[in-house]
Amino acid sequence: MDVANETSQTTSEFQDLAVLELRGGTHLVLRNKPEAAPGQASFDLMVDDLKAQQVALQEAGYAPSEIREGRIHSVFDVSEPSGNTISFYDSHVVGPV
């Protein structure tokens, strides 16, 4: 699953591991674990433009949920090919991080 290009860049890629550098210097480590059971991901993602991300995932063949308005953030969920559900939230950050 590709998140919008401006939100991450691959910094290291190995056979069973990839490290993505996110905004603000945060790193996301993705591991290939075929034995892992699908379920709710133990992380969520924040994006600058929630609707644009939802549309990008739809155009890539995924079926994201409708955007739900929250008290602080709006959110939608999407299942990735292994069956894990990932939540995408809108960001309230303004300007460079």
N, C-alpha and C. Protein backbone atom coordinates (compact mmCIF):
# COMPACT_ATOMS: atom_id res chain seq x y z
N MET A 1 0.85 -1.16 0.00
CA MET A 1 0.00 0.00 0.00
C MET A 1 0.90 1.23 0.00
N ASP A 2 0.67 2.12 -0.93
CA ASP A 2 1.46 3.34 -1.00
C ASP A 2 0.68 4.49 -0.36
N VAL A 3 1.33 5.16 0.56
CA VAL A 3 0.77 6.38 1.12
C VAL A 3 1.26 7.50 0.21
N ALA A 4 0.52 8.60 0.11
CA ALA A 4 0.89 9.69 -0.79
C ALA A 4 2.39 9.97 -0.71
N ASN A 5 3.04 10.15 -1.86
CA ASN A 5 4.49 10.27 -1.96
C ASN A 5 5.12 11.29 -1.04
N GLU A 6 4.43 12.39 -0.77
CA GLU A 6 5.05 13.44 0.04
C GLU A 6 5.08 13.11 1.52
N THR A 7 4.45 12.01 1.95
CA THR A 7 4.42 11.71 3.37
C THR A 7 5.55 10.79 3.80
N SER A 8 6.22 10.12 2.88
CA SER A 8 7.28 9.21 3.30
C SER A 8 8.28 9.00 2.18
N GLN A 9 9.43 8.49 2.58
CA GLN A 9 10.42 8.04 1.61
C GLN A 9 11.11 6.81 2.19
N THR A 10 11.40 5.83 1.34
CA THR A 10 12.08 4.63 1.80
C THR A 10 13.53 4.99 2.07
N THR A 11 14.01 4.68 3.29
CA THR A 11 15.40 4.96 3.61
C THR A 11 16.25 3.70 3.58
N SER A 12 15.65 2.54 3.86
CA SER A 12 16.35 1.27 3.83
C SER A 12 15.38 0.19 3.40
N GLU A 13 15.84 -0.73 2.56
CA GLU A 13 14.97 -1.80 2.11
C GLU A 13 15.77 -3.09 2.07
N PHE A 14 15.24 -4.12 2.73
CA PHE A 14 15.87 -5.43 2.79
C PHE A 14 14.85 -6.47 2.38
N GLN A 15 15.23 -7.74 2.37
CA GLN A 15 14.32 -8.80 1.94
C GLN A 15 13.04 -8.83 2.78
N ASP A 16 13.15 -8.77 4.09
CA ASP A 16 11.99 -8.88 4.97
C ASP A 16 11.72 -7.62 5.79
N LEU A 17 12.29 -6.48 5.38
CA LEU A 17 12.20 -5.27 6.19
C LEU A 17 12.35 -4.03 5.31
N ALA A 18 11.55 -3.03 5.59
CA ALA A 18 11.72 -1.72 4.95
C ALA A 18 11.56 -0.65 6.02
N VAL A 19 12.34 0.41 5.93
CA VAL A 19 12.26 1.52 6.87
C VAL A 19 11.84 2.75 6.08
N LEU A 20 10.74 3.38 6.50
CA LEU A 20 10.25 4.59 5.86
C LEU A 20 10.49 5.76 6.79
N GLU A 21 11.03 6.84 6.26
CA GLU A 21 11.17 8.06 7.05
C GLU A 21 9.94 8.91 6.80
N LEU A 22 9.23 9.23 7.87
CA LEU A 22 8.02 10.03 7.78
C LEU A 22 8.32 11.47 8.14
N ARG A 23 7.34 12.33 7.99
CA ARG A 23 7.49 13.74 8.34
C ARG A 23 7.95 13.91 9.76
N GLY A 24 8.81 14.85 10.01
CA GLY A 24 9.26 15.15 11.36
C GLY A 24 10.33 14.20 11.87
N GLY A 25 10.87 13.34 10.99
CA GLY A 25 11.93 12.44 11.40
C GLY A 25 11.46 11.14 12.01
N THR A 26 10.14 10.90 12.05
CA THR A 26 9.62 9.64 12.55
C THR A 26 9.90 8.55 11.54
N HIS A 27 10.22 7.36 12.01
CA HIS A 27 10.47 6.22 11.13
C HIS A 27 9.42 5.15 11.35
N LEU A 28 9.00 4.53 10.26
CA LEU A 28 8.07 3.41 10.31
C LEU A 28 8.81 2.20 9.78
N VAL A 29 8.90 1.16 10.59
CA VAL A 29 9.56 -0.08 10.19
C VAL A 29 8.49 -1.07 9.78
N LEU A 30 8.57 -1.55 8.54
CA LEU A 30 7.62 -2.53 8.01
C LEU A 30 8.33 -3.87 7.90
N ARG A 31 7.76 -4.89 8.52
CA ARG A 31 8.36 -6.22 8.50
C ARG A 31 7.44 -7.19 7.76
N ASN A 32 8.03 -8.07 6.97
CA ASN A 32 7.29 -9.12 6.29
C ASN A 32 7.23 -10.31 7.24
N LYS A 33 6.05 -10.55 7.80
CA LYS A 33 5.85 -11.65 8.73
C LYS A 33 4.66 -12.48 8.26
N PRO A 34 4.90 -13.45 7.37
CA PRO A 34 3.78 -14.24 6.83
C PRO A 34 2.96 -14.96 7.90
N GLU A 35 3.55 -15.26 9.07
CA GLU A 35 2.83 -15.98 10.11
C GLU A 35 1.95 -15.07 10.97
N ALA A 36 2.02 -13.78 10.78
CA ALA A 36 1.24 -12.85 11.59
C ALA A 36 -0.24 -12.96 11.23
N ALA A 37 -1.09 -12.92 12.24
CA ALA A 37 -2.54 -12.98 12.03
C ALA A 37 -3.07 -11.59 11.70
N PRO A 38 -3.95 -11.49 10.72
CA PRO A 38 -4.51 -10.18 10.37
C PRO A 38 -5.40 -9.63 11.48
N GLY A 39 -5.51 -8.31 11.52
CA GLY A 39 -6.36 -7.64 12.51
C GLY A 39 -6.16 -6.14 12.41
N GLN A 40 -6.52 -5.42 13.44
CA GLN A 40 -6.31 -3.98 13.48
C GLN A 40 -4.81 -3.72 13.61
N ALA A 41 -4.26 -2.89 12.74
CA ALA A 41 -2.84 -2.55 12.82
C ALA A 41 -2.56 -1.87 14.15
N SER A 42 -1.36 -2.06 14.66
CA SER A 42 -1.01 -1.46 15.95
C SER A 42 -0.47 -0.05 15.78
N PHE A 43 -0.79 0.57 14.67
CA PHE A 43 -0.41 1.95 14.40
C PHE A 43 -1.49 2.58 13.54
N ASP A 44 -1.48 3.89 13.42
CA ASP A 44 -2.35 4.58 12.48
C ASP A 44 -1.49 5.61 11.75
N LEU A 45 -2.03 6.17 10.71
CA LEU A 45 -1.30 7.15 9.91
C LEU A 45 -2.07 8.46 9.88
N MET A 46 -1.34 9.58 9.92
CA MET A 46 -1.95 10.90 9.78
C MET A 46 -1.49 11.48 8.45
N VAL A 47 -2.41 12.05 7.71
CA VAL A 47 -2.11 12.63 6.40
C VAL A 47 -2.64 14.06 6.35
N ASP A 48 -2.03 14.85 5.48
CA ASP A 48 -2.43 16.26 5.36
C ASP A 48 -3.80 16.41 4.71
N ASP A 49 -4.11 15.57 3.73
CA ASP A 49 -5.36 15.69 2.99
C ASP A 49 -6.06 14.33 3.02
N LEU A 50 -6.96 14.15 3.97
CA LEU A 50 -7.62 12.87 4.20
C LEU A 50 -8.42 12.43 2.98
N LYS A 51 -9.18 13.34 2.39
CA LYS A 51 -10.00 12.99 1.22
C LYS A 51 -9.13 12.57 0.05
N ALA A 52 -8.03 13.30 -0.20
CA ALA A 52 -7.13 12.94 -1.30
C ALA A 52 -6.52 11.56 -1.08
N GLN A 53 -6.19 11.24 0.17
CA GLN A 53 -5.62 9.91 0.47
C GLN A 53 -6.66 8.83 0.25
N GLN A 54 -7.89 9.10 0.66
CA GLN A 54 -8.97 8.14 0.46
C GLN A 54 -9.17 7.87 -1.04
N VAL A 55 -9.20 8.92 -1.84
CA VAL A 55 -9.36 8.80 -3.29
C VAL A 55 -8.19 8.04 -3.90
N ALA A 56 -6.96 8.36 -3.48
CA ALA A 56 -5.77 7.68 -4.00
C ALA A 56 -5.83 6.18 -3.72
N LEU A 57 -6.29 5.81 -2.53
CA LEU A 57 -6.42 4.39 -2.21
C LEU A 57 -7.52 3.73 -3.04
N GLN A 58 -8.63 4.44 -3.26
CA GLN A 58 -9.70 3.91 -4.11
C GLN A 58 -9.18 3.69 -5.53
N GLU A 59 -8.44 4.65 -6.05
CA GLU A 59 -7.90 4.54 -7.41
C GLU A 59 -6.87 3.42 -7.52
N ALA A 60 -6.24 3.06 -6.40
CA ALA A 60 -5.26 1.97 -6.39
C ALA A 60 -5.93 0.61 -6.19
N GLY A 61 -7.26 0.59 -6.09
CA GLY A 61 -7.98 -0.67 -5.99
C GLY A 61 -8.39 -1.10 -4.59
N TYR A 62 -8.16 -0.24 -3.60
CA TYR A 62 -8.56 -0.54 -2.22
C TYR A 62 -9.98 -0.05 -1.98
N ALA A 63 -10.57 -0.47 -0.88
CA ALA A 63 -11.94 -0.08 -0.55
C ALA A 63 -11.97 0.61 0.82
N PRO A 64 -11.49 1.86 0.89
CA PRO A 64 -11.52 2.56 2.19
C PRO A 64 -12.95 2.84 2.63
N SER A 65 -13.14 2.91 3.95
CA SER A 65 -14.45 3.24 4.50
C SER A 65 -14.77 4.71 4.22
N GLU A 66 -15.98 5.08 4.55
CA GLU A 66 -16.35 6.49 4.50
C GLU A 66 -15.56 7.24 5.57
N ILE A 67 -15.34 8.52 5.36
CA ILE A 67 -14.66 9.36 6.36
C ILE A 67 -15.65 9.64 7.49
N ARG A 68 -15.19 9.37 8.72
CA ARG A 68 -16.00 9.64 9.90
C ARG A 68 -15.44 10.88 10.59
N GLU A 69 -16.33 11.82 10.89
CA GLU A 69 -15.92 13.05 11.57
C GLU A 69 -15.77 12.77 13.05
N GLY A 70 -14.63 13.12 13.62
CA GLY A 70 -14.40 12.93 15.04
C GLY A 70 -14.37 14.26 15.78
N ARG A 71 -14.24 14.19 17.08
CA ARG A 71 -14.19 15.41 17.89
C ARG A 71 -12.91 16.19 17.60
N ILE A 72 -11.80 15.46 17.41
CA ILE A 72 -10.51 16.11 17.14
C ILE A 72 -10.04 15.84 15.72
N HIS A 73 -10.15 14.59 15.28
CA HIS A 73 -9.70 14.20 13.95
C HIS A 73 -10.81 13.49 13.21
N SER A 74 -10.77 13.60 11.88
CA SER A 74 -11.60 12.76 11.03
C SER A 74 -10.76 11.55 10.65
N VAL A 75 -11.42 10.44 10.30
CA VAL A 75 -10.71 9.18 10.10
C VAL A 75 -11.43 8.30 9.07
N PHE A 76 -10.67 7.49 8.36
CA PHE A 76 -11.23 6.38 7.61
C PHE A 76 -10.31 5.18 7.78
N ASP A 77 -10.84 3.99 7.51
CA ASP A 77 -10.09 2.75 7.65
C ASP A 77 -10.01 2.07 6.29
N VAL A 78 -8.97 1.26 6.12
CA VAL A 78 -8.83 0.47 4.90
C VAL A 78 -8.12 -0.83 5.26
N SER A 79 -8.52 -1.91 4.62
CA SER A 79 -7.84 -3.19 4.81
C SER A 79 -6.80 -3.35 3.72
N GLU A 80 -5.60 -3.79 4.13
CA GLU A 80 -4.54 -4.04 3.17
C GLU A 80 -4.59 -5.52 2.76
N PRO A 81 -3.82 -5.94 1.73
CA PRO A 81 -3.96 -7.28 1.18
C PRO A 81 -3.82 -8.43 2.19
N SER A 82 -3.09 -8.26 3.26
CA SER A 82 -2.95 -9.33 4.25
C SER A 82 -4.11 -9.36 5.24
N GLY A 83 -5.04 -8.42 5.13
CA GLY A 83 -6.21 -8.40 5.99
C GLY A 83 -6.11 -7.49 7.19
N ASN A 84 -5.02 -6.75 7.31
CA ASN A 84 -4.88 -5.81 8.42
C ASN A 84 -5.66 -4.53 8.12
N THR A 85 -6.27 -3.96 9.13
CA THR A 85 -7.01 -2.71 8.98
C THR A 85 -6.14 -1.56 9.47
N ILE A 86 -5.95 -0.57 8.62
CA ILE A 86 -5.13 0.60 8.94
C ILE A 86 -6.05 1.82 8.97
N SER A 87 -5.91 2.63 10.02
CA SER A 87 -6.71 3.86 10.15
C SER A 87 -5.88 5.05 9.69
N PHE A 88 -6.52 5.91 8.89
CA PHE A 88 -5.91 7.14 8.41
C PHE A 88 -6.65 8.31 9.04
N TYR A 89 -5.92 9.20 9.69
CA TYR A 89 -6.48 10.38 10.35
C TYR A 89 -6.01 11.64 9.63
N ASP A 90 -6.82 12.70 9.71
CA ASP A 90 -6.36 13.98 9.20
C ASP A 90 -5.41 14.60 10.22
N SER A 91 -4.50 15.39 9.70
CA SER A 91 -3.49 16.03 10.55
C SER A 91 -3.95 17.43 10.91
N HIS A 92 -3.64 17.86 12.11
CA HIS A 92 -3.93 19.23 12.52
C HIS A 92 -2.67 20.07 12.56
N VAL A 93 -1.56 19.50 12.05
CA VAL A 93 -0.28 20.21 12.02
C VAL A 93 -0.34 21.27 10.93
N VAL A 94 0.15 22.45 11.22
CA VAL A 94 0.21 23.53 10.25
C VAL A 94 1.66 23.87 10.01
N GLY A 95 2.06 23.92 8.74
CA GLY A 95 3.43 24.29 8.39
C GLY A 95 4.39 23.13 8.50
N PRO A 96 5.66 23.38 8.20
CA PRO A 96 6.66 22.31 8.22
C PRO A 96 6.90 21.76 9.63
N VAL A 97 7.17 20.47 9.66
CA VAL A 97 7.43 19.80 10.94
C VAL A 97 8.88 19.38 10.96
